[in-house]
Protein backbone atom coordinates (compact mmCIF):
# COMPACT_ATOMS: atom_id res chain seq x y z
CA UNK A 1 -38.93 -121.56 152.48
CA UNK A 2 -40.54 -124.30 150.43
CA UNK A 3 -41.02 -127.67 152.42
CA UNK A 4 -40.13 -130.97 150.82
CA UNK A 5 -43.08 -132.79 149.75
CA UNK A 6 -44.40 -135.43 152.64
CA UNK A 7 -44.53 -138.79 151.38
CA UNK A 8 -45.68 -142.28 152.24
CA UNK A 9 -43.74 -145.30 150.80
CA UNK A 10 -46.70 -147.62 149.79
CA UNK A 11 -48.20 -148.87 146.65
CA UNK A 12 -51.36 -147.36 144.88
CA UNK A 13 -54.81 -146.81 146.44
CA UNK A 14 -55.82 -150.53 146.26
CA UNK A 15 -52.62 -151.83 147.76
CA UNK A 16 -52.72 -149.06 150.37
CA UNK A 17 -56.24 -150.45 151.68
CA UNK A 18 -55.28 -153.86 151.82
CA UNK A 19 -51.75 -153.16 153.34
CA UNK A 20 -53.15 -151.22 155.96
CA UNK A 21 -56.54 -152.78 156.64
CA UNK A 22 -58.40 -149.92 156.07
CA UNK A 23 -61.66 -149.89 157.31
CA UNK A 24 -64.51 -147.36 156.42
CA UNK A 25 -63.21 -144.04 157.61
CA UNK A 26 -64.73 -142.03 160.37
CA UNK A 27 -66.02 -138.32 160.82
CA UNK A 28 -64.18 -136.81 157.69
CA UNK A 29 -64.62 -139.64 155.24
CA UNK A 30 -65.71 -139.21 152.05
CA UNK A 31 -67.63 -141.74 149.51
CA UNK A 32 -64.09 -142.36 147.91
CA UNK A 33 -61.58 -143.90 148.44
CA UNK A 34 -39.12 -140.62 177.37
CA UNK A 35 -42.69 -141.25 177.71
CA UNK A 36 -43.41 -145.09 177.51
CA UNK A 37 -44.46 -145.31 173.80
CA UNK A 38 -47.70 -146.59 172.92
CA UNK A 39 -47.61 -147.58 169.31
CA UNK A 40 -50.96 -148.01 167.48
CA UNK A 41 -51.31 -150.24 164.63
CA UNK A 42 -50.79 -148.83 161.09
CA UNK A 43 -54.48 -149.42 160.42
CA UNK A 44 -55.22 -146.34 163.22
CA UNK A 45 -54.77 -144.32 159.90
CA UNK A 46 -57.72 -144.22 157.68
CA UNK A 47 -57.59 -143.31 154.12
CA UNK A 48 -60.33 -140.81 153.32
CA UNK A 49 -59.40 -139.43 150.20
CA UNK A 50 -56.97 -140.22 147.25
CA UNK A 51 -57.03 -138.22 144.01
CA UNK A 52 -54.57 -138.40 140.92
CA UNK A 53 -54.32 -134.74 139.37
CA UNK A 54 -52.95 -133.93 135.85
CA UNK A 55 -51.25 -136.69 133.66
CA UNK A 56 -50.71 -140.21 134.53
CA UNK A 57 -46.83 -139.90 135.65
CA UNK A 58 -47.54 -136.65 137.49
CA UNK A 59 -46.25 -136.23 141.12
CA UNK A 60 -49.28 -135.28 143.21
CA UNK A 61 -49.35 -134.83 147.01
CA UNK A 62 -51.21 -132.55 149.61
CA UNK A 63 -48.65 -130.76 151.99
CA UNK A 64 -51.17 -128.36 154.09
CA UNK A 65 -54.59 -128.77 155.43
CA UNK A 66 -56.82 -126.62 157.47
CA UNK A 67 -60.25 -127.81 159.25
CA UNK A 68 -62.29 -124.63 160.19
CA UNK A 69 -65.45 -126.77 161.41
CA UNK A 70 -66.37 -130.26 161.75
CA UNK A 71 -68.29 -130.27 158.49
CA UNK A 72 -65.71 -128.22 156.45
CA UNK A 73 -62.09 -129.03 155.67
CA UNK A 74 -59.60 -128.19 152.75
CA UNK A 75 -56.24 -129.93 151.71
CA UNK A 76 -53.48 -128.36 149.58
CA UNK A 77 -50.85 -129.24 147.76
CA UNK A 78 -49.35 -129.58 144.11
CA UNK A 79 -49.09 -131.62 141.23
CA UNK A 80 -45.62 -132.07 139.62
CA UNK A 81 -44.16 -129.76 142.17
CA UNK A 82 -43.06 -126.20 141.60
CA UNK A 83 -42.87 -127.11 137.46
CA UNK A 84 -46.61 -128.10 137.88
CA UNK A 85 -49.86 -126.58 139.46
CA UNK A 86 -51.45 -125.91 142.68
CA UNK A 87 -54.04 -128.36 143.91
CA UNK A 88 -56.70 -128.32 146.49
CA UNK A 89 -59.60 -130.54 147.75
CA UNK A 90 -62.43 -129.77 149.61
CA UNK A 91 -64.47 -131.84 152.19
CA UNK A 92 -68.42 -130.53 152.42
CA UNK A 93 -71.85 -132.06 152.35
CA UNK A 94 -70.22 -135.31 153.57
CA UNK A 95 -67.57 -136.08 150.83
CA UNK A 96 -64.23 -134.83 149.70
CA UNK A 97 -64.01 -133.69 146.02
CA UNK A 98 -61.36 -131.90 144.07
CA UNK A 99 -61.98 -128.11 144.33
CA UNK A 100 -60.83 -126.07 140.97
CA UNK A 101 -58.34 -123.28 141.76
CA UNK A 102 -57.84 -119.97 139.34
CA UNK A 103 -56.43 -120.74 135.80
CA UNK A 104 -52.99 -120.05 135.28
CA UNK A 105 -50.98 -120.75 138.37
CA UNK A 106 -47.69 -122.63 138.86
CA UNK A 107 -45.98 -124.14 141.92
CA UNK A 108 -47.47 -125.61 145.13
CA UNK A 109 -49.69 -124.60 147.88
CA UNK A 110 -47.59 -125.08 151.14
CA UNK A 111 -49.42 -123.03 153.64
CA UNK A 112 -53.14 -122.29 154.39
CA UNK A 113 -55.15 -120.54 156.83
CA UNK A 114 -58.81 -120.18 157.92
CA UNK A 115 -60.79 -117.95 160.38
CA UNK A 116 -64.10 -119.47 159.25
CA UNK A 117 -65.75 -121.97 156.56
CA UNK A 118 -66.25 -119.09 154.54
CA UNK A 119 -62.81 -117.48 154.80
CA UNK A 120 -60.01 -119.73 153.72
CA UNK A 121 -56.53 -118.50 152.48
CA UNK A 122 -53.89 -120.35 150.91
CA UNK A 123 -50.37 -119.00 149.18
CA UNK A 124 -48.63 -120.61 146.09
CA UNK A 125 -45.08 -121.18 146.95
CA UNK A 126 -43.21 -119.83 144.07
CA UNK A 127 -46.38 -118.99 142.09
CA UNK A 128 -46.43 -115.33 143.77
CA UNK A 129 -50.27 -115.60 144.30
CA UNK A 130 -52.59 -115.33 147.61
CA UNK A 131 -55.84 -117.24 147.31
CA UNK A 132 -59.30 -116.54 148.95
CA UNK A 133 -61.97 -118.53 149.20
CA UNK A 134 -65.25 -116.66 150.47
CA UNK A 135 -67.77 -119.91 150.95
CA UNK A 136 -68.63 -120.34 146.97
CA UNK A 137 -65.59 -119.70 145.08
CA UNK A 138 -61.69 -119.37 144.83
CA UNK A 139 -60.20 -115.94 143.42
CA UNK A 140 -56.48 -114.56 143.34
CA UNK A 141 -56.75 -112.18 146.10
CA UNK A 142 -53.37 -110.91 145.63
CA UNK A 143 -50.46 -111.53 143.03
CA UNK A 144 -46.89 -110.48 142.02
CA UNK A 145 -45.17 -110.51 138.86
CA UNK A 146 -41.52 -110.77 139.79
CA UNK A 147 -40.06 -113.99 138.15
CA UNK A 148 -40.20 -117.92 139.08
CA UNK A 149 -37.80 -117.65 142.07
CA UNK A 150 -39.62 -115.59 144.87
CA UNK A 151 -41.33 -117.37 147.69
CA UNK A 152 -44.40 -116.87 149.66
CA UNK A 153 -43.90 -118.91 152.96
CA UNK A 154 -46.85 -118.48 155.09
CA UNK A 155 -50.33 -117.10 155.57
CA UNK A 156 -52.38 -116.11 158.96
CA UNK A 157 -55.92 -115.24 158.60
CA UNK A 158 -57.57 -113.96 161.87
CA UNK A 159 -60.47 -112.67 160.04
CA UNK A 160 -61.94 -111.52 156.73
CA UNK A 161 -60.32 -107.66 157.53
CA UNK A 162 -57.27 -109.10 159.06
CA UNK A 163 -54.82 -111.41 157.33
CA UNK A 164 -50.76 -111.43 157.32
CA UNK A 165 -48.90 -113.06 154.35
CA UNK A 166 -45.39 -113.93 154.64
CA UNK A 167 -42.57 -114.42 152.02
CA UNK A 168 -39.24 -114.91 153.80
CA UNK A 169 -36.27 -115.17 151.56
CA UNK A 170 -34.47 -118.57 152.14
CA UNK A 171 -33.02 -120.75 149.38
CA UNK A 172 -34.63 -117.79 146.92
CA UNK A 173 -35.67 -114.33 147.57
CA UNK A 174 -38.72 -113.51 149.55
CA UNK A 175 -41.96 -111.35 148.80
CA UNK A 176 -41.82 -109.80 152.24
CA UNK A 177 -44.52 -109.53 154.90
CA UNK A 178 -47.90 -108.18 153.52
CA UNK A 179 -51.25 -107.19 155.56
CA UNK A 180 -54.49 -107.03 154.21
CA UNK A 181 -57.12 -104.89 156.14
CA UNK A 182 -60.36 -105.97 154.30
CA UNK A 183 -59.73 -103.37 151.38
CA UNK A 184 -55.86 -102.75 150.76
CA UNK A 185 -52.71 -104.37 151.11
CA UNK A 186 -49.52 -102.95 153.10
CA UNK A 187 -46.40 -103.99 152.74
CA UNK A 188 -44.08 -103.98 155.67
CA UNK A 189 -40.55 -102.96 154.93
CA UNK A 190 -38.81 -102.09 157.85
CA UNK A 191 -37.62 -103.69 161.38
CA UNK A 192 -38.43 -107.25 162.64
CA UNK A 193 -41.52 -107.69 159.79
CA UNK A 194 -39.22 -107.81 157.09
CA UNK A 195 -37.99 -111.70 157.26
CA UNK A 196 -41.07 -113.28 158.57
CA UNK A 197 -41.35 -117.14 157.44
CA UNK A 198 -44.50 -118.20 159.18
CA UNK A 199 -46.57 -116.99 162.38
CA UNK A 200 -48.83 -118.55 164.87
CA UNK A 201 -51.48 -116.22 166.30
CA UNK A 202 -53.11 -116.03 170.17
CA UNK A 203 -55.14 -113.19 168.96
CA UNK A 204 -55.11 -110.41 166.47
CA UNK A 205 -52.76 -108.32 168.87
CA UNK A 206 -50.76 -111.41 170.09
CA UNK A 207 -48.72 -113.08 167.33
CA UNK A 208 -45.16 -115.04 167.44
CA UNK A 209 -43.43 -115.73 164.46
CA UNK A 210 -40.14 -117.17 162.67
CA UNK A 211 -38.23 -114.22 161.27
CA UNK A 212 -35.05 -113.74 159.15
CA UNK A 213 -32.84 -110.82 160.01
CA UNK A 214 -29.31 -111.93 159.75
CA UNK A 215 -29.68 -115.14 158.46
CA UNK A 216 -32.64 -117.47 157.44
CA UNK A 217 -34.70 -118.07 160.23
CA UNK A 218 -32.57 -117.31 162.79
CA UNK A 219 -34.90 -115.15 165.04
CA UNK A 220 -38.48 -115.22 166.90
CA UNK A 221 -40.38 -112.09 166.38
CA UNK A 222 -43.29 -111.07 168.32
CA UNK A 223 -46.29 -108.57 167.24
CA UNK A 224 -47.95 -106.45 169.88
CA UNK A 225 -49.14 -103.27 170.13
CA UNK A 226 -49.19 -102.79 166.22
CA UNK A 227 -45.84 -103.69 165.37
CA UNK A 228 -43.39 -106.77 164.98
CA UNK A 229 -40.27 -106.73 167.29
CA UNK A 230 -37.33 -109.18 167.78
CA UNK A 231 -37.32 -111.25 170.96
CA UNK A 232 -34.15 -111.14 172.57
CA UNK A 233 -33.08 -113.61 175.33
CA UNK A 234 -30.17 -115.83 175.61
CA UNK A 235 -31.73 -119.20 175.44
CA UNK A 236 -32.63 -118.75 171.80
CA UNK A 237 -29.76 -116.82 170.68
CA UNK A 238 -27.57 -118.30 167.73
CA UNK A 239 -30.50 -120.72 166.68
CA UNK A 240 -32.20 -121.24 163.46
CA UNK A 241 -35.98 -122.27 163.83
CA UNK A 242 -38.04 -124.87 162.31
CA UNK A 243 -41.41 -124.36 163.73
CA UNK A 244 -43.32 -122.19 166.28
CA UNK A 245 -46.71 -122.80 167.97
CA UNK A 246 -48.26 -120.09 170.17
CA UNK A 247 -50.90 -121.44 172.65
CA UNK A 248 -51.38 -118.72 174.94
CA UNK A 249 -49.18 -115.25 176.01
CA UNK A 250 -47.68 -117.63 178.36
CA UNK A 251 -47.39 -120.60 176.43
CA UNK A 252 -45.14 -120.44 173.26
CA UNK A 253 -43.15 -123.34 171.58
CA UNK A 254 -40.54 -123.43 168.96
CA UNK A 255 -38.20 -126.36 167.28
CA UNK A 256 -34.78 -124.78 167.42
CA UNK A 257 -31.26 -126.05 165.87
CA UNK A 258 -28.21 -124.31 167.47
CA UNK A 259 -25.92 -122.99 165.17
CA UNK A 260 -23.19 -124.93 166.65
CA UNK A 261 -24.59 -128.12 165.86
CA UNK A 262 -26.98 -128.60 162.79
CA UNK A 263 -27.67 -132.24 163.54
CA UNK A 264 -29.39 -131.68 166.98
CA UNK A 265 -33.06 -130.10 167.47
CA UNK A 266 -34.38 -128.62 170.79
CA UNK A 267 -37.90 -127.96 171.59
CA UNK A 268 -38.02 -124.59 173.41
CA UNK A 269 -40.69 -122.91 175.53
CA UNK A 270 -41.80 -119.75 176.65
CA UNK A 271 -43.64 -119.43 179.95
CA UNK A 272 -44.60 -115.60 179.45
CA UNK A 273 -41.24 -114.75 181.68
CA UNK A 274 -38.24 -116.90 180.12
CA UNK A 275 -37.58 -119.24 177.45
CA UNK A 276 -36.13 -122.85 178.79
CA UNK A 277 -35.40 -126.05 177.00
CA UNK A 278 -37.86 -128.86 177.48
CA UNK A 279 -36.98 -132.87 176.92
CA UNK A 280 -38.84 -134.78 174.54
CA UNK A 281 -38.92 -138.54 174.79
CA UNK A 282 -36.83 -140.66 172.63
CA UNK A 283 -33.96 -140.02 170.39
CA UNK A 284 -35.75 -137.65 167.72
CA UNK A 285 -34.35 -134.26 169.28
CA UNK A 286 -30.76 -135.51 169.60
CA UNK A 287 -30.93 -136.96 165.86
CA UNK A 288 -32.32 -133.64 164.69
CA UNK A 289 -35.60 -135.18 163.50
CA UNK A 290 -38.16 -132.56 165.24
CA UNK A 291 -40.01 -131.39 162.16
CA UNK A 292 -43.36 -129.88 163.02
CA UNK A 293 -45.72 -128.54 165.94
CA UNK A 294 -49.54 -128.60 165.57
CA UNK A 295 -52.28 -127.63 168.19
CA UNK A 296 -54.46 -130.74 169.35
CA UNK A 297 -57.47 -128.34 169.80
CA UNK A 298 -57.17 -129.08 173.37
CA UNK A 299 -54.35 -127.25 174.94
CA UNK A 300 -51.84 -129.58 173.96
CA UNK A 301 -50.09 -130.32 170.78
CA UNK A 302 -48.42 -132.95 168.50
CA UNK A 303 -44.51 -132.93 167.71
CA UNK A 304 -44.14 -134.41 164.44
CA UNK A 305 -40.75 -136.09 163.90
CA UNK A 306 -39.25 -138.05 160.87
CA UNK A 307 -40.52 -141.60 162.36
CA UNK A 308 -42.95 -140.66 165.21
CA UNK A 309 -45.72 -138.28 166.43
CA UNK A 310 -45.24 -137.07 169.92
CA UNK A 311 -48.31 -135.72 171.91
CA UNK A 312 -48.08 -133.35 174.86
CA UNK A 313 -51.52 -132.68 176.97
CA UNK A 314 -52.53 -129.36 178.30
CA UNK A 315 -51.28 -130.52 181.77
CA UNK A 316 -47.56 -130.99 180.36
CA UNK A 317 -47.62 -134.89 180.16
CA UNK A 318 -46.29 -136.39 177.39
CA UNK A 319 -48.95 -139.03 176.67
CA UNK A 320 -47.96 -141.53 173.68
CA UNK A 321 -45.67 -142.15 171.01
CA UNK A 322 -47.14 -142.84 167.69
CA UNK A 323 -45.68 -144.45 164.57
CA UNK A 324 -45.36 -141.92 161.98
CA UNK A 325 -46.43 -144.61 159.30
CA UNK A 326 -46.92 -142.33 156.48
CA UNK A 327 -44.52 -139.53 157.20
CA UNK A 328 -47.17 -136.94 157.84
CA UNK A 329 -45.56 -133.78 159.03
CA UNK A 330 -49.00 -131.49 158.99
CA UNK A 331 -51.63 -132.29 161.46
CA UNK A 332 -55.30 -130.68 162.13
CA UNK A 333 -57.53 -131.67 164.53
CA UNK A 334 -61.44 -131.90 163.76
CA UNK A 335 -63.39 -129.61 166.07
CA UNK A 336 -65.93 -131.46 168.37
CA UNK A 337 -64.21 -134.83 167.80
CA UNK A 338 -61.08 -136.85 168.70
CA UNK A 339 -59.95 -137.12 165.23
CA UNK A 340 -57.13 -135.79 163.19
CA UNK A 341 -56.48 -135.33 159.64
CA UNK A 342 -53.15 -135.43 157.72
CA UNK A 343 -51.99 -134.52 154.24
CA UNK A 344 -49.78 -136.56 152.40
CA UNK A 345 -48.82 -138.53 149.09
CA UNK A 346 -48.91 -142.18 147.80
CA UNK A 347 -46.82 -143.80 146.81
CA UNK A 348 -43.65 -141.80 147.35
CA UNK A 349 -43.16 -139.34 144.80
CA UNK A 350 -40.32 -140.44 142.06
CA UNK A 351 -42.43 -143.48 141.14
CA UNK A 352 -42.42 -143.84 137.27
CA UNK A 353 -46.20 -144.32 137.62
CA UNK A 354 -46.54 -140.88 139.71
CA UNK A 355 -48.14 -140.44 142.95
CA UNK A 356 -51.73 -139.18 144.11
CA UNK A 357 -52.41 -136.62 146.65
CA UNK A 358 -54.07 -138.28 149.86
CA UNK A 359 -55.60 -137.26 153.17
CA UNK A 360 -55.46 -139.60 156.19
CA UNK A 361 -57.46 -139.64 159.49
CA UNK A 362 -56.56 -141.00 163.04
CA UNK A 363 -58.71 -140.98 166.19
CA UNK A 364 -55.83 -142.16 168.25
CA UNK A 365 -53.47 -139.39 168.57
CA UNK A 366 -55.16 -137.46 171.41
């Protein structure tokens, strides 16, 4: 299911720097431009990269980000949404720069994954293409030519010989679940594997995913002993699922919406034995505003909501609540640092002057 563009409602690059008091960016900077809340100032977010792709009025934005090392990072998105083309930017050699993708692609990149700096994968939402970076160039690793309304929704790269690509049907048709073993692609057409939207891997033999069996995103499925199986538990029955994060075999988290109340979201946890609901500070859950889950790299995680970013550490404590000033819903920690990167857009798409794809950095979220 393609996700709506993440946006920030501020002016252009110069106005952004003045309004936020942006200082020299930190670790990933390039040469270009309930729990008691602890809310940092807007200047905690540093603009580390901004680029405009395409025509002057094009609506640009980054939607996905991967950081395989402290010296390598990728941001992905699109120019002019589904009618335009996918775009990418690469942090390497101490600076960000746009990275050319194979010609002829359309739509956006909403999902990416990397097992190392030389094994980066991305899926083009409605473009029916899987892209791979080997450390020196991008190429189309797999493509389909089945029309413009069939989607790819997720990718999980565990190694160069173990890559999963997901294309669940949602508002439009899906391309199904595919596995790459380093030489050939296999299409899984039976059982719980059929409708997977996205997955979170503990290891190559232990993955958790959001599936679509009777309705879009209506189930949790688990990969173990070489096959995908639906997870049956009363606590997660009759729900739809927004996000999933597996930190270990006994520490799995999902954001769920009950079928009986579409205006409410829950944070749910699996401890290796049973599922239970976990309280979230504030009113975001009750207002249906829990949107994303991302690991913090230290055994904890962030919960992204419409207005705030919540952090829960490995010990189970909610440490702080941070203003989601730029409406970012995807976060990636920079290994070996206390900083996190987030993709977005500026100004808000819809402006007659277009919007830029941007990357922010924050060192206060942990």
